[in-house]
Amino acid sequence: MPTEQHNKLRRKNARKTDAKATLGALLKMSYSNFPLVLSGVHPLIAPLIMFRLKRRGFSNCRVEVTGTGLIVYADR
């Protein structure tokens, strides 16, 4: 497969992030049920989510990046 066609295919299948979902994860996130599945959230937000969880007293915090968004794990 030529390189140009391969690059176009990769860009087409790349992860889609949504600005509205990212802001919602930061501002309106509920910390009651874990694991949280945050679809469409940009992976660069993961450290901010971890910081907020630690500040609220959660332990064993972990954020996994998947093809559709983030999965957040934490214990109280």
C-alpha atoms as a PDB file:
ATOM      1  CA  MET A   1       0.000   0.000   0.000  1.00  0.00           C
ATOM      2  CA  PRO A   2       1.485   3.384  -0.930  1.00  0.00           C
ATOM      3  CA  THR A   3       2.422   5.663   1.934  1.00  0.00           C
ATOM      4  CA  GLU A   4      -0.002   8.443   0.999  1.00  0.00           C
ATOM      5  CA  GLN A   5      -3.011   6.119   0.961  1.00  0.00           C
ATOM      6  CA  HIS A   6      -1.885   4.531   4.212  1.00  0.00           C
ATOM      7  CA  ASN A   7      -1.633   7.946   5.916  1.00  0.00           C
ATOM      8  CA  LYS A   8      -5.106   8.932   4.734  1.00  0.00           C
ATOM      9  CA  LEU A   9      -6.523   5.693   6.095  1.00  0.00           C
ATOM     10  CA  ARG A  10      -4.815   6.217   9.464  1.00  0.00           C
ATOM     11  CA  ARG A  11      -6.171   9.771   9.754  1.00  0.00           C
ATOM     12  CA  LYS A  12      -9.664   8.587   8.883  1.00  0.00           C
ATOM     13  CA  ASN A  13      -9.576   5.872  11.558  1.00  0.00           C
ATOM     14  CA  ALA A  14      -7.922   8.085  14.180  1.00  0.00           C
ATOM     15  CA  ARG A  15      -9.597   8.638  17.524  1.00  0.00           C
ATOM     16  CA  LYS A  16     -12.311  11.265  17.485  1.00  0.00           C
ATOM     17  CA  THR A  17     -12.324  13.622  20.460  1.00  0.00           C
ATOM     18  CA  ASP A  18     -15.087  16.039  21.290  1.00  0.00           C
ATOM     19  CA  ALA A  19     -14.462  19.417  22.945  1.00  0.00           C
ATOM     20  CA  LYS A  20     -17.891  19.348  24.597  1.00  0.00           C
ATOM     21  CA  ALA A  21     -17.226  15.912  26.105  1.00  0.00           C
ATOM     22  CA  THR A  22     -13.798  17.038  27.311  1.00  0.00           C
ATOM     23  CA  LEU A  23     -15.189  20.127  29.056  1.00  0.00           C
ATOM     24  CA  GLY A  24     -18.017  18.095  30.527  1.00  0.00           C
ATOM     25  CA  ALA A  25     -15.529  15.624  31.974  1.00  0.00           C
ATOM     26  CA  LEU A  26     -13.654  18.448  33.660  1.00  0.00           C
ATOM     27  CA  LEU A  27     -16.537  20.570  34.902  1.00  0.00           C
ATOM     28  CA  LYS A  28     -19.484  18.214  35.442  1.00  0.00           C
ATOM     29  CA  MET A  29     -17.804  14.955  36.377  1.00  0.00           C
ATOM     30  CA  SER A  30     -19.622  12.870  38.982  1.00  0.00           C
ATOM     31  CA  TYR A  31     -17.384  10.963  41.385  1.00  0.00           C
ATOM     32  CA  SER A  32     -19.897   8.396  42.568  1.00  0.00           C
ATOM     33  CA  ASN A  33     -19.601   5.352  40.292  1.00  0.00           C
ATOM     34  CA  PHE A  34     -16.383   3.743  39.155  1.00  0.00           C
ATOM     35  CA  PRO A  35     -15.190   2.739  36.625  1.00  0.00           C
ATOM     36  CA  LEU A  36     -16.234   5.829  34.706  1.00  0.00           C
ATOM     37  CA  VAL A  37     -16.287   5.605  30.925  1.00  0.00           C
ATOM     38  CA  LEU A  38     -15.675   9.016  29.359  1.00  0.00           C
ATOM     39  CA  SER A  39     -16.107   8.612  25.628  1.00  0.00           C
ATOM     40  CA  GLY A  40     -14.787  11.306  23.319  1.00  0.00           C
ATOM     41  CA  VAL A  41     -12.546  12.876  25.991  1.00  0.00           C
ATOM     42  CA  HIS A  42      -9.073  13.957  24.924  1.00  0.00           C
ATOM     43  CA  PRO A  43      -6.227  11.925  26.529  1.00  0.00           C
ATOM     44  CA  LEU A  44      -4.377  15.061  27.672  1.00  0.00           C
ATOM     45  CA  ILE A  45      -7.106  15.613  30.279  1.00  0.00           C
ATOM     46  CA  ALA A  46      -6.148  12.426  32.170  1.00  0.00           C
ATOM     47  CA  PRO A  47      -3.612  14.144  34.505  1.00  0.00           C
ATOM     48  CA  LEU A  48      -6.183  16.799  35.437  1.00  0.00           C
ATOM     49  CA  ILE A  49      -8.750  14.128  36.254  1.00  0.00           C
ATOM     50  CA  MET A  50      -6.179  12.316  38.404  1.00  0.00           C
ATOM     51  CA  PHE A  51      -5.349  15.567  40.230  1.00  0.00           C
ATOM     52  CA  ARG A  52      -9.019  16.254  41.010  1.00  0.00           C
ATOM     53  CA  LEU A  53      -9.582  12.702  42.241  1.00  0.00           C
ATOM     54  CA  LYS A  54      -6.565  12.863  44.568  1.00  0.00           C
ATOM     55  CA  ARG A  55      -7.681  16.252  45.930  1.00  0.00           C
ATOM     56  CA  ARG A  56     -11.095  14.772  46.743  1.00  0.00           C
ATOM     57  CA  GLY A  57      -9.549  11.932  48.771  1.00  0.00           C
ATOM     58  CA  PHE A  58      -9.648   9.035  46.332  1.00  0.00           C
ATOM     59  CA  SER A  59      -6.848   6.480  46.261  1.00  0.00           C
ATOM     60  CA  ASN A  60      -5.694   3.826  43.813  1.00  0.00           C
ATOM     61  CA  CYS A  61      -6.581   6.204  40.963  1.00  0.00           C
ATOM     62  CA  ARG A  62      -5.942   5.129  37.402  1.00  0.00           C
ATOM     63  CA  VAL A  63      -6.941   6.462  33.984  1.00  0.00           C
ATOM     64  CA  GLU A  64      -6.715   4.257  30.905  1.00  0.00           C
ATOM     65  CA  VAL A  65      -6.738   5.650  27.392  1.00  0.00           C
ATOM     66  CA  THR A  66      -8.833   3.602  24.973  1.00  0.00           C
ATOM     67  CA  GLY A  67      -9.756   4.035  21.353  1.00  0.00           C
ATOM     68  CA  THR A  68     -13.014   5.748  22.279  1.00  0.00           C
ATOM     69  CA  GLY A  69     -11.939   7.919  25.219  1.00  0.00           C
ATOM     70  CA  LEU A  70     -10.914   7.400  28.850  1.00  0.00           C
ATOM     71  CA  ILE A  71     -11.765   4.907  31.561  1.00  0.00           C
ATOM     72  CA  VAL A  72     -11.305   6.190  35.124  1.00  0.00           C
ATOM     73  CA  TYR A  73     -10.795   3.908  38.134  1.00  0.00           C
ATOM     74  CA  ALA A  74     -10.594   5.011  41.795  1.00  0.00           C
ATOM     75  CA  ASP A  75     -11.258   3.800  45.336  1.00  0.00           C
ATOM     76  CA  ARG A  76     -12.477   5.758  48.340  1.00  0.00           C
END
